Amino acid sequence: MFSQHTRLNPVQSFQLFCLESYRSAMDISGEQALMEFKKSKVFDYLASGYEVLHTQSKHYILNELNQYIIGRHGTLPRKHSKGRTTYNS
């Protein structure tokens, strides 16, 4: 559990920003976005590309994330009517 004094480092803050931005853009739950990031190893991608990516616009970053996830799975998640993540074909 995080204490009140735990602070995120800059890379973690950026990863959190990307996760929330992706969740909002895709209109999926935080849990769905987190599962997608873990499954697709997006956190590793963001950490390795931090120096370049964190200087880009939100629109650019979301486009990069979508391309990365499509490259890993061939599709993007979409919100299912019952809250489950399904994938566009």
C-alpha atoms as a PDB file:
ATOM      1  CA  MET A   1       0.000   0.000   0.000  1.00  0.00           C
ATOM      2  CA  PHE A   2       1.226   3.491  -0.750  1.00  0.00           C
ATOM      3  CA  SER A   3       1.934   5.767   2.172  1.00  0.00           C
ATOM      4  CA  GLN A   4       1.054   9.433   2.068  1.00  0.00           C
ATOM      5  CA  HIS A   5       4.722  10.195   1.370  1.00  0.00           C
ATOM      6  CA  THR A   6       5.133   7.967  -1.666  1.00  0.00           C
ATOM      7  CA  ARG A   7       5.775   9.989  -4.788  1.00  0.00           C
ATOM      8  CA  LEU A   8       5.770   8.840  -8.350  1.00  0.00           C
ATOM      9  CA  ASN A   9       8.921   9.358 -10.352  1.00  0.00           C
ATOM     10  CA  PRO A  10       8.591  11.250 -13.671  1.00  0.00           C
ATOM     11  CA  VAL A  11       8.285   8.071 -15.740  1.00  0.00           C
ATOM     12  CA  GLN A  12       5.555   6.682 -13.475  1.00  0.00           C
ATOM     13  CA  SER A  13       3.691   9.996 -13.615  1.00  0.00           C
ATOM     14  CA  PHE A  14       3.866   9.905 -17.407  1.00  0.00           C
ATOM     15  CA  GLN A  15       2.656   6.298 -17.493  1.00  0.00           C
ATOM     16  CA  LEU A  16      -0.291   7.230 -15.273  1.00  0.00           C
ATOM     17  CA  PHE A  17      -1.113  10.218 -17.512  1.00  0.00           C
ATOM     18  CA  CYS A  18      -1.055   7.923 -20.556  1.00  0.00           C
ATOM     19  CA  LEU A  19      -3.216   5.298 -18.871  1.00  0.00           C
ATOM     20  CA  GLU A  20      -5.881   7.844 -17.911  1.00  0.00           C
ATOM     21  CA  SER A  21      -5.734   9.569 -21.305  1.00  0.00           C
ATOM     22  CA  TYR A  22      -6.133   6.211 -23.061  1.00  0.00           C
ATOM     23  CA  ARG A  23      -9.013   5.203 -20.791  1.00  0.00           C
ATOM     24  CA  SER A  24     -10.830   8.427 -21.502  1.00  0.00           C
ATOM     25  CA  ALA A  25     -10.181   8.390 -25.256  1.00  0.00           C
ATOM     26  CA  MET A  26     -11.304   4.782 -25.622  1.00  0.00           C
ATOM     27  CA  ASP A  27     -14.308   5.254 -23.292  1.00  0.00           C
ATOM     28  CA  ILE A  28     -13.403   2.159 -21.302  1.00  0.00           C
ATOM     29  CA  SER A  29     -13.089   1.578 -17.567  1.00  0.00           C
ATOM     30  CA  GLY A  30      -9.848   2.103 -15.700  1.00  0.00           C
ATOM     31  CA  GLU A  31      -9.699  -1.630 -15.072  1.00  0.00           C
ATOM     32  CA  GLN A  32     -10.051  -2.368 -18.790  1.00  0.00           C
ATOM     33  CA  ALA A  33      -7.359   0.162 -19.681  1.00  0.00           C
ATOM     34  CA  LEU A  34      -5.005  -1.250 -17.041  1.00  0.00           C
ATOM     35  CA  MET A  35      -5.553  -4.810 -18.271  1.00  0.00           C
ATOM     36  CA  GLU A  36      -4.831  -3.711 -21.859  1.00  0.00           C
ATOM     37  CA  PHE A  37      -1.659  -1.860 -20.821  1.00  0.00           C
ATOM     38  CA  LYS A  38      -0.419  -4.908 -18.912  1.00  0.00           C
ATOM     39  CA  LYS A  39      -1.344  -7.389 -21.650  1.00  0.00           C
ATOM     40  CA  SER A  40       0.299  -5.287 -24.349  1.00  0.00           C
ATOM     41  CA  LYS A  41       3.311  -4.335 -22.209  1.00  0.00           C
ATOM     42  CA  VAL A  42       2.508  -0.659 -22.773  1.00  0.00           C
ATOM     43  CA  PHE A  43       4.164   0.350 -19.491  1.00  0.00           C
ATOM     44  CA  ASP A  44       7.475  -1.056 -20.759  1.00  0.00           C
ATOM     45  CA  TYR A  45       7.000   0.721 -24.080  1.00  0.00           C
ATOM     46  CA  LEU A  46       6.307   4.038 -22.338  1.00  0.00           C
ATOM     47  CA  ALA A  47       9.292   3.663 -20.008  1.00  0.00           C
ATOM     48  CA  SER A  48      11.670   2.842 -22.852  1.00  0.00           C
ATOM     49  CA  GLY A  49      10.388   5.714 -24.992  1.00  0.00           C
ATOM     50  CA  TYR A  50       9.902   8.221 -22.182  1.00  0.00           C
ATOM     51  CA  GLU A  51      12.606  10.688 -23.252  1.00  0.00           C
ATOM     52  CA  VAL A  52      10.931  11.276 -26.612  1.00  0.00           C
ATOM     53  CA  LEU A  53       7.276  10.552 -25.866  1.00  0.00           C
ATOM     54  CA  HIS A  54       6.857  12.809 -22.840  1.00  0.00           C
ATOM     55  CA  THR A  55       7.667  15.842 -24.996  1.00  0.00           C
ATOM     56  CA  GLN A  56       4.856  15.093 -27.483  1.00  0.00           C
ATOM     57  CA  SER A  57       1.210  16.171 -27.525  1.00  0.00           C
ATOM     58  CA  LYS A  58      -1.536  14.093 -25.973  1.00  0.00           C
ATOM     59  CA  HIS A  59      -2.968  13.465 -29.443  1.00  0.00           C
ATOM     60  CA  TYR A  60       0.391  12.200 -30.717  1.00  0.00           C
ATOM     61  CA  ILE A  61       0.878   9.944 -27.679  1.00  0.00           C
ATOM     62  CA  LEU A  62      -2.603   8.417 -28.020  1.00  0.00           C
ATOM     63  CA  ASN A  63      -1.976   7.756 -31.700  1.00  0.00           C
ATOM     64  CA  GLU A  64       1.343   6.068 -30.837  1.00  0.00           C
ATOM     65  CA  LEU A  65      -0.352   3.938 -28.167  1.00  0.00           C
ATOM     66  CA  ASN A  66      -3.072   2.874 -30.587  1.00  0.00           C
ATOM     67  CA  GLN A  67      -0.508   1.917 -33.227  1.00  0.00           C
ATOM     68  CA  TYR A  68       1.553   0.022 -30.656  1.00  0.00           C
ATOM     69  CA  ILE A  69      -1.457  -1.930 -29.367  1.00  0.00           C
ATOM     70  CA  ILE A  70      -2.679  -2.685 -32.902  1.00  0.00           C
ATOM     71  CA  GLY A  71       0.814  -3.932 -33.716  1.00  0.00           C
ATOM     72  CA  ARG A  72       0.710  -6.280 -30.729  1.00  0.00           C
ATOM     73  CA  HIS A  73      -2.875  -7.537 -31.214  1.00  0.00           C
ATOM     74  CA  GLY A  74      -4.048  -6.442 -34.653  1.00  0.00           C
ATOM     75  CA  THR A  75      -6.964  -4.554 -33.102  1.00  0.00           C
ATOM     76  CA  LEU A  76      -8.012  -2.072 -30.423  1.00  0.00           C
ATOM     77  CA  PRO A  77     -10.260  -2.754 -27.440  1.00  0.00           C
ATOM     78  CA  ARG A  78     -13.750  -1.311 -27.406  1.00  0.00           C
ATOM     79  CA  LYS A  79     -16.299  -1.076 -24.665  1.00  0.00           C
ATOM     80  CA  HIS A  80     -18.685  -4.005 -24.634  1.00  0.00           C
ATOM     81  CA  SER A  81     -22.314  -3.328 -23.733  1.00  0.00           C
ATOM     82  CA  LYS A  82     -21.838  -5.234 -20.462  1.00  0.00           C
ATOM     83  CA  GLY A  83     -18.588  -3.485 -19.571  1.00  0.00           C
ATOM     84  CA  ARG A  84     -16.265  -6.195 -20.860  1.00  0.00           C
ATOM     85  CA  THR A  85     -13.517  -5.345 -23.295  1.00  0.00           C
ATOM     86  CA  THR A  86     -13.889  -6.780 -26.774  1.00  0.00           C
ATOM     87  CA  TYR A  87     -11.726  -6.125 -29.815  1.00  0.00           C
ATOM     88  CA  ASN A  88     -12.569  -4.499 -33.115  1.00  0.00           C
ATOM     89  CA  SER A  89     -11.819  -6.726 -36.062  1.00  0.00           C
END
